[in-house]
Amino acid sequence: MFVGLYSVGKTRPLTGAQFWEEPAYKELKVFGAKGWAEGRTSILWIDLALRDFYADWKGKLIIRWSSERSWWRRAHRNEFPVHAVLEDSMLDAAMPSWDELNLSWEDLRVLPTRWCNALSQWRGIYYIFDPTVGKGYVGSAYGKDNLLGRWQNYKESGHGGNSLLKDRNPHAFQFSILQRVSPDMDESDVIRLESTWKERLHTRDPFGLNDN
């Protein structure tokens, strides 16, 4: 099952002690992983970055794999017949209720199709929380594709054009929905609701990340 394509980034050598300080390896050690070959004085740590390549096929593209146990293959030396292309991702969890959504910035890049369809129909007031500074931002969505369109803007830029978000690290952002409104609510009424949420949550600068 296709999950994603990763590119190789920076590398750095780790000693045995440094190896077991990495959070991922600490977690694996709990499950009995050895992880450190005898006789080695160092091991290479490789930073991997998820690419946008065929992100829509995550959990949908199923290929045939040989019966051997090796977990890796050299693409140019093997053939991988397509077994199936599914309409819905096998990795899709059931979409939670709108008032239970709490998405990271990375989540916005790989939203399941069904989630995208729902968000494109919803307009309302959303909230972005930056835990690195303990502050939040309130925004409204009522234009093309509603919440989906607005959040896709953040997915591409990281800040959505908002001045106090431009200098922040979007990898820390958490996205949620404060209030859903009728799909035919007038834009001026949506903006009025947005302003009341800014007042109630005190998200205007300097207490929050709204500059107006």
C-alpha atoms as a PDB file:
ATOM      1  CA  MET A   1       0.000   0.000   0.000  1.00  0.00           C
ATOM      2  CA  PHE A   2       1.391   3.380  -1.019  1.00  0.00           C
ATOM      3  CA  VAL A   3       1.807   5.715   1.945  1.00  0.00           C
ATOM      4  CA  GLY A   4       4.078   8.444   0.570  1.00  0.00           C
ATOM      5  CA  LEU A   5       7.297   9.347  -1.163  1.00  0.00           C
ATOM      6  CA  TYR A   6      10.123  10.707   0.987  1.00  0.00           C
ATOM      7  CA  SER A   7      13.278  12.488  -0.086  1.00  0.00           C
ATOM      8  CA  VAL A   8      16.616  12.121   1.688  1.00  0.00           C
ATOM      9  CA  GLY A   9      17.743  15.259   3.472  1.00  0.00           C
ATOM     10  CA  LYS A  10      20.666  15.963   5.770  1.00  0.00           C
ATOM     11  CA  THR A  11      22.596  13.162   7.417  1.00  0.00           C
ATOM     12  CA  ARG A  12      24.643  12.984  10.610  1.00  0.00           C
ATOM     13  CA  PRO A  13      26.531  10.212  12.395  1.00  0.00           C
ATOM     14  CA  LEU A  14      25.273   9.002  15.792  1.00  0.00           C
ATOM     15  CA  THR A  15      27.183   7.226  18.502  1.00  0.00           C
ATOM     16  CA  GLY A  16      25.551   4.366  20.363  1.00  0.00           C
ATOM     17  CA  ALA A  17      24.562   6.670  23.228  1.00  0.00           C
ATOM     18  CA  GLN A  18      23.130   9.287  20.851  1.00  0.00           C
ATOM     19  CA  PHE A  19      21.217   6.595  18.987  1.00  0.00           C
ATOM     20  CA  TRP A  20      19.199   5.650  22.065  1.00  0.00           C
ATOM     21  CA  GLU A  21      18.490   9.299  22.871  1.00  0.00           C
ATOM     22  CA  GLU A  22      16.413   9.692  19.713  1.00  0.00           C
ATOM     23  CA  PRO A  23      12.693   9.609  20.709  1.00  0.00           C
ATOM     24  CA  ALA A  24      11.789   7.221  17.869  1.00  0.00           C
ATOM     25  CA  TYR A  25      14.398   4.678  18.962  1.00  0.00           C
ATOM     26  CA  LYS A  26      13.429   5.012  22.603  1.00  0.00           C
ATOM     27  CA  GLU A  27       9.891   4.020  21.638  1.00  0.00           C
ATOM     28  CA  LEU A  28      11.105   1.114  19.508  1.00  0.00           C
ATOM     29  CA  LYS A  29      13.291  -0.119  22.369  1.00  0.00           C
ATOM     30  CA  VAL A  30      10.175  -0.554  24.502  1.00  0.00           C
ATOM     31  CA  PHE A  31       8.968  -3.086  21.929  1.00  0.00           C
ATOM     32  CA  GLY A  32      12.224  -5.023  22.046  1.00  0.00           C
ATOM     33  CA  ALA A  33      14.145  -3.451  19.148  1.00  0.00           C
ATOM     34  CA  LYS A  34      17.918  -3.922  19.333  1.00  0.00           C
ATOM     35  CA  GLY A  35      18.813  -1.280  16.795  1.00  0.00           C
ATOM     36  CA  TRP A  36      22.575  -1.182  17.271  1.00  0.00           C
ATOM     37  CA  ALA A  37      24.781  -3.641  15.370  1.00  0.00           C
ATOM     38  CA  GLU A  38      27.755  -5.001  17.267  1.00  0.00           C
ATOM     39  CA  GLY A  39      31.138  -3.669  16.197  1.00  0.00           C
ATOM     40  CA  ARG A  40      29.833  -0.345  14.884  1.00  0.00           C
ATOM     41  CA  THR A  41      31.224   2.874  16.272  1.00  0.00           C
ATOM     42  CA  SER A  42      28.593   5.044  14.581  1.00  0.00           C
ATOM     43  CA  ILE A  43      25.414   4.834  12.554  1.00  0.00           C
ATOM     44  CA  LEU A  44      24.077   7.331  10.022  1.00  0.00           C
ATOM     45  CA  TRP A  45      20.937   9.301  10.868  1.00  0.00           C
ATOM     46  CA  ILE A  46      19.025  10.395   7.741  1.00  0.00           C
ATOM     47  CA  ASP A  47      16.414  13.154   7.752  1.00  0.00           C
ATOM     48  CA  LEU A  48      13.472  12.258   5.510  1.00  0.00           C
ATOM     49  CA  ALA A  49      10.978  14.781   4.131  1.00  0.00           C
ATOM     50  CA  LEU A  50       7.524  13.820   2.872  1.00  0.00           C
ATOM     51  CA  ARG A  51       6.950  15.020  -0.693  1.00  0.00           C
ATOM     52  CA  ASP A  52       3.678  16.038  -2.337  1.00  0.00           C
ATOM     53  CA  PHE A  53       4.194  13.362  -5.011  1.00  0.00           C
ATOM     54  CA  TYR A  54       0.854  11.566  -5.529  1.00  0.00           C
ATOM     55  CA  ALA A  55      -0.322  12.487  -2.027  1.00  0.00           C
ATOM     56  CA  ASP A  56      -3.915  11.828  -3.142  1.00  0.00           C
ATOM     57  CA  TRP A  57      -3.018   8.146  -3.665  1.00  0.00           C
ATOM     58  CA  LYS A  58      -2.086   7.570  -0.008  1.00  0.00           C
ATOM     59  CA  GLY A  59      -3.826   4.411   1.143  1.00  0.00           C
ATOM     60  CA  LYS A  60      -5.420   3.918  -2.296  1.00  0.00           C
ATOM     61  CA  LEU A  61      -2.649   2.496  -4.495  1.00  0.00           C
ATOM     62  CA  ILE A  62      -2.061  -1.207  -3.806  1.00  0.00           C
ATOM     63  CA  ILE A  63       0.827  -3.008  -5.518  1.00  0.00           C
ATOM     64  CA  ARG A  64       1.927  -6.640  -5.554  1.00  0.00           C
ATOM     65  CA  TRP A  65       4.984  -7.451  -3.431  1.00  0.00           C
ATOM     66  CA  SER A  66       7.243 -10.448  -3.658  1.00  0.00           C
ATOM     67  CA  SER A  67       7.063 -13.142  -0.995  1.00  0.00           C
ATOM     68  CA  GLU A  68      10.554 -12.376   0.305  1.00  0.00           C
ATOM     69  CA  ARG A  69      10.834 -10.734   3.698  1.00  0.00           C
ATOM     70  CA  SER A  70      13.121  -7.873   2.754  1.00  0.00           C
ATOM     71  CA  TRP A  71      11.305  -4.608   3.469  1.00  0.00           C
ATOM     72  CA  TRP A  72      13.041  -2.616   0.729  1.00  0.00           C
ATOM     73  CA  ARG A  73      13.454  -2.956  -3.041  1.00  0.00           C
ATOM     74  CA  ARG A  74      15.480  -1.154  -5.687  1.00  0.00           C
ATOM     75  CA  ALA A  75      12.856   0.313  -8.004  1.00  0.00           C
ATOM     76  CA  HIS A  76      14.975   0.058 -11.167  1.00  0.00           C
ATOM     77  CA  ARG A  77      15.579  -3.654 -10.626  1.00  0.00           C
ATOM     78  CA  ASN A  78      12.021  -4.737  -9.889  1.00  0.00           C
ATOM     79  CA  GLU A  79       8.495  -4.626 -11.245  1.00  0.00           C
ATOM     80  CA  PHE A  80       5.563  -3.789  -9.018  1.00  0.00           C
ATOM     81  CA  PRO A  81       2.263  -4.665 -10.737  1.00  0.00           C
ATOM     82  CA  VAL A  82      -0.691  -2.526  -9.645  1.00  0.00           C
ATOM     83  CA  HIS A  83      -3.103  -4.728  -7.738  1.00  0.00           C
ATOM     84  CA  ALA A  84      -5.795  -2.107  -7.103  1.00  0.00           C
ATOM     85  CA  VAL A  85      -6.550   1.610  -7.012  1.00  0.00           C
ATOM     86  CA  LEU A  86      -9.179   2.213  -4.358  1.00  0.00           C
ATOM     87  CA  GLU A  87     -11.749   5.008  -4.387  1.00  0.00           C
ATOM     88  CA  ASP A  88     -11.308   5.627  -0.648  1.00  0.00           C
ATOM     89  CA  SER A  89      -8.082   5.365   1.305  1.00  0.00           C
ATOM     90  CA  MET A  90      -7.635   2.311   3.511  1.00  0.00           C
ATOM     91  CA  LEU A  91      -5.977   4.647   6.006  1.00  0.00           C
ATOM     92  CA  ASP A  92      -8.945   6.990   6.287  1.00  0.00           C
ATOM     93  CA  ALA A  93     -10.341   7.138   9.769  1.00  0.00           C
ATOM     94  CA  ALA A  94     -13.978   8.051  10.147  1.00  0.00           C
ATOM     95  CA  MET A  95     -14.284  11.824  10.143  1.00  0.00           C
ATOM     96  CA  PRO A  96     -14.977  13.118  13.649  1.00  0.00           C
ATOM     97  CA  SER A  97     -17.668  15.632  14.420  1.00  0.00           C
ATOM     98  CA  TRP A  98     -16.729  19.152  13.333  1.00  0.00           C
ATOM     99  CA  ASP A  99     -16.376  20.259  16.971  1.00  0.00           C
ATOM    100  CA  GLU A 100     -13.855  17.469  17.652  1.00  0.00           C
ATOM    101  CA  LEU A 101     -11.476  18.280  14.807  1.00  0.00           C
ATOM    102  CA  ASN A 102      -7.954  19.233  15.901  1.00  0.00           C
ATOM    103  CA  LEU A 103      -5.582  19.101  12.934  1.00  0.00           C
ATOM    104  CA  SER A 104      -1.895  19.849  12.593  1.00  0.00           C
ATOM    105  CA  TRP A 105      -0.457  21.803   9.677  1.00  0.00           C
ATOM    106  CA  GLU A 106       0.961  18.543   8.319  1.00  0.00           C
ATOM    107  CA  ASP A 107      -2.532  17.007   8.475  1.00  0.00           C
ATOM    108  CA  LEU A 108      -3.788  19.666   6.057  1.00  0.00           C
ATOM    109  CA  ARG A 109      -1.481  18.251   3.355  1.00  0.00           C
ATOM    110  CA  VAL A 110      -2.991  14.764   3.462  1.00  0.00           C
ATOM    111  CA  LEU A 111      -6.666  15.270   4.267  1.00  0.00           C
ATOM    112  CA  PRO A 112      -8.825  12.320   3.139  1.00  0.00           C
ATOM    113  CA  THR A 113     -11.058  13.058   0.162  1.00  0.00           C
ATOM    114  CA  ARG A 114     -14.221  12.636   2.199  1.00  0.00           C
ATOM    115  CA  TRP A 115     -12.949  15.123   4.762  1.00  0.00           C
ATOM    116  CA  CYS A 116     -12.150  17.615   2.004  1.00  0.00           C
ATOM    117  CA  ASN A 117     -15.662  17.267   0.594  1.00  0.00           C
ATOM    118  CA  ALA A 118     -17.182  18.004   3.995  1.00  0.00           C
ATOM    119  CA  LEU A 119     -14.920  20.980   4.731  1.00  0.00           C
ATOM    120  CA  SER A 120     -15.695  22.470   1.318  1.00  0.00           C
ATOM    121  CA  GLN A 121     -19.376  22.610   2.334  1.00  0.00           C
ATOM    122  CA  TRP A 122     -18.817  24.147   5.765  1.00  0.00           C
ATOM    123  CA  ARG A 123     -18.438  27.821   6.454  1.00  0.00           C
ATOM    124  CA  GLY A 124     -17.813  29.236   9.868  1.00  0.00           C
ATOM    125  CA  ILE A 125     -15.253  30.410  12.419  1.00  0.00           C
ATOM    126  CA  TYR A 126     -11.956  28.569  12.849  1.00  0.00           C
ATOM    127  CA  TYR A 127      -9.136  28.752  15.384  1.00  0.00           C
ATOM    128  CA  ILE A 128      -5.366  28.339  14.978  1.00  0.00           C
ATOM    129  CA  PHE A 129      -3.379  27.714  18.152  1.00  0.00           C
ATOM    130  CA  ASP A 130       0.388  28.070  18.354  1.00  0.00           C
ATOM    131  CA  PRO A 131       1.563  26.159  21.453  1.00  0.00           C
ATOM    132  CA  THR A 132       5.088  27.561  21.143  1.00  0.00           C
ATOM    133  CA  VAL A 133       3.817  30.959  22.313  1.00  0.00           C
ATOM    134  CA  GLY A 134       0.513  29.927  23.888  1.00  0.00           C
ATOM    135  CA  LYS A 135      -1.461  32.241  21.602  1.00  0.00           C
ATOM    136  CA  GLY A 136      -4.273  31.761  19.113  1.00  0.00           C
ATOM    137  CA  TYR A 137      -5.713  33.218  15.940  1.00  0.00           C
ATOM    138  CA  VAL A 138      -9.391  33.438  14.989  1.00  0.00           C
ATOM    139  CA  GLY A 139     -10.466  33.517  11.341  1.00  0.00           C
ATOM    140  CA  SER A 140     -13.602  33.074   9.262  1.00  0.00           C
ATOM    141  CA  ALA A 141     -14.296  31.048   6.138  1.00  0.00           C
ATOM    142  CA  TYR A 142     -17.097  31.927   3.755  1.00  0.00           C
ATOM    143  CA  GLY A 143     -15.532  32.198   0.295  1.00  0.00           C
ATOM    144  CA  LYS A 144     -14.777  29.616  -2.388  1.00  0.00           C
ATOM    145  CA  ASP A 145     -14.662  26.089  -0.905  1.00  0.00           C
ATOM    146  CA  ASN A 146     -15.374  27.561   2.533  1.00  0.00           C
ATOM    147  CA  LEU A 147     -13.195  26.039   5.307  1.00  0.00           C
ATOM    148  CA  LEU A 148     -11.365  23.772   2.884  1.00  0.00           C
ATOM    149  CA  GLY A 149     -10.370  26.701   0.678  1.00  0.00           C
ATOM    150  CA  ARG A 150      -9.165  28.748   3.618  1.00  0.00           C
ATOM    151  CA  TRP A 151      -7.177  25.921   5.170  1.00  0.00           C
ATOM    152  CA  GLN A 152      -5.647  25.012   1.807  1.00  0.00           C
ATOM    153  CA  ASN A 153      -4.306  28.550   1.749  1.00  0.00           C
ATOM    154  CA  TYR A 154      -2.549  27.864   5.062  1.00  0.00           C
ATOM    155  CA  LYS A 155      -1.322  24.542   3.702  1.00  0.00           C
ATOM    156  CA  GLU A 156       0.421  26.314   0.827  1.00  0.00           C
ATOM    157  CA  SER A 157       1.753  29.418   2.577  1.00  0.00           C
ATOM    158  CA  GLY A 158       1.897  28.466   6.238  1.00  0.00           C
ATOM    159  CA  HIS A 159       0.428  31.811   7.283  1.00  0.00           C
ATOM    160  CA  GLY A 160      -2.568  32.496   5.027  1.00  0.00           C
ATOM    161  CA  GLY A 161      -1.447  36.082   4.516  1.00  0.00           C
ATOM    162  CA  ASN A 162      -1.866  36.982   8.196  1.00  0.00           C
ATOM    163  CA  SER A 163       0.961  39.224   9.372  1.00  0.00           C
ATOM    164  CA  LEU A 164       1.380  37.886  12.922  1.00  0.00           C
ATOM    165  CA  LEU A 165       1.538  34.297  11.651  1.00  0.00           C
ATOM    166  CA  LYS A 166       4.230  34.958   9.052  1.00  0.00           C
ATOM    167  CA  ASP A 167       7.117  34.786  11.523  1.00  0.00           C
ATOM    168  CA  ARG A 168       5.782  31.658  13.267  1.00  0.00           C
ATOM    169  CA  ASN A 169       6.597  28.003  12.549  1.00  0.00           C
ATOM    170  CA  PRO A 170       3.472  26.479  10.964  1.00  0.00           C
ATOM    171  CA  HIS A 171       4.591  22.970  11.911  1.00  0.00           C
ATOM    172  CA  ALA A 172       3.388  23.779  15.434  1.00  0.00           C
ATOM    173  CA  PHE A 173      -0.052  25.105  14.417  1.00  0.00           C
ATOM    174  CA  GLN A 174      -3.239  23.320  15.474  1.00  0.00           C
ATOM    175  CA  PHE A 175      -6.449  23.931  13.501  1.00  0.00           C
ATOM    176  CA  SER A 176      -9.965  23.568  14.877  1.00  0.00           C
ATOM    177  CA  ILE A 177     -13.487  24.877  14.223  1.00  0.00           C
ATOM    178  CA  LEU A 178     -15.145  27.154  16.761  1.00  0.00           C
ATOM    179  CA  GLN A 179     -18.529  27.514  15.096  1.00  0.00           C
ATOM    180  CA  ARG A 180     -20.277  26.247  11.978  1.00  0.00           C
ATOM    181  CA  VAL A 181     -22.844  28.495  10.349  1.00  0.00           C
ATOM    182  CA  SER A 182     -25.498  28.157   7.687  1.00  0.00           C
ATOM    183  CA  PRO A 183     -24.015  27.819   4.176  1.00  0.00           C
ATOM    184  CA  ASP A 184     -26.139  30.748   3.024  1.00  0.00           C
ATOM    185  CA  MET A 185     -25.325  33.074   5.930  1.00  0.00           C
ATOM    186  CA  ASP A 186     -24.432  36.525   4.672  1.00  0.00           C
ATOM    187  CA  GLU A 187     -20.684  37.270   4.674  1.00  0.00           C
ATOM    188  CA  SER A 188     -21.171  40.327   6.889  1.00  0.00           C
ATOM    189  CA  ASP A 189     -22.834  38.163   9.556  1.00  0.00           C
ATOM    190  CA  VAL A 190     -19.971  35.647   9.427  1.00  0.00           C
ATOM    191  CA  ILE A 191     -17.458  38.471   9.884  1.00  0.00           C
ATOM    192  CA  ARG A 192     -19.485  39.815  12.833  1.00  0.00           C
ATOM    193  CA  LEU A 193     -19.361  36.375  14.493  1.00  0.00           C
ATOM    194  CA  GLU A 194     -15.629  36.236  13.848  1.00  0.00           C
ATOM    195  CA  SER A 195     -15.198  39.524  15.716  1.00  0.00           C
ATOM    196  CA  THR A 196     -17.177  38.260  18.734  1.00  0.00           C
ATOM    197  CA  TRP A 197     -14.918  35.195  18.968  1.00  0.00           C
ATOM    198  CA  LYS A 198     -11.841  37.402  18.868  1.00  0.00           C
ATOM    199  CA  GLU A 199     -13.249  39.358  21.794  1.00  0.00           C
ATOM    200  CA  ARG A 200     -14.226  36.284  23.813  1.00  0.00           C
ATOM    201  CA  LEU A 201     -10.940  34.456  23.267  1.00  0.00           C
ATOM    202  CA  HIS A 202      -8.781  37.615  23.521  1.00  0.00           C
ATOM    203  CA  THR A 203      -6.856  36.782  20.352  1.00  0.00           C
ATOM    204  CA  ARG A 204      -6.127  40.348  19.313  1.00  0.00           C
ATOM    205  CA  ASP A 205      -2.531  41.511  19.614  1.00  0.00           C
ATOM    206  CA  PRO A 206      -0.742  41.585  22.075  1.00  0.00           C
ATOM    207  CA  PHE A 207      -2.660  38.742  23.773  1.00  0.00           C
ATOM    208  CA  GLY A 208      -3.192  36.754  20.586  1.00  0.00           C
ATOM    209  CA  LEU A 209      -2.169  36.505  16.950  1.00  0.00           C
ATOM    210  CA  ASN A 210      -4.904  38.617  15.328  1.00  0.00           C
ATOM    211  CA  ASP A 211      -3.700  42.038  14.197  1.00  0.00           C
ATOM    212  CA  ASN A 212      -7.214  43.467  13.842  1.00  0.00           C
END
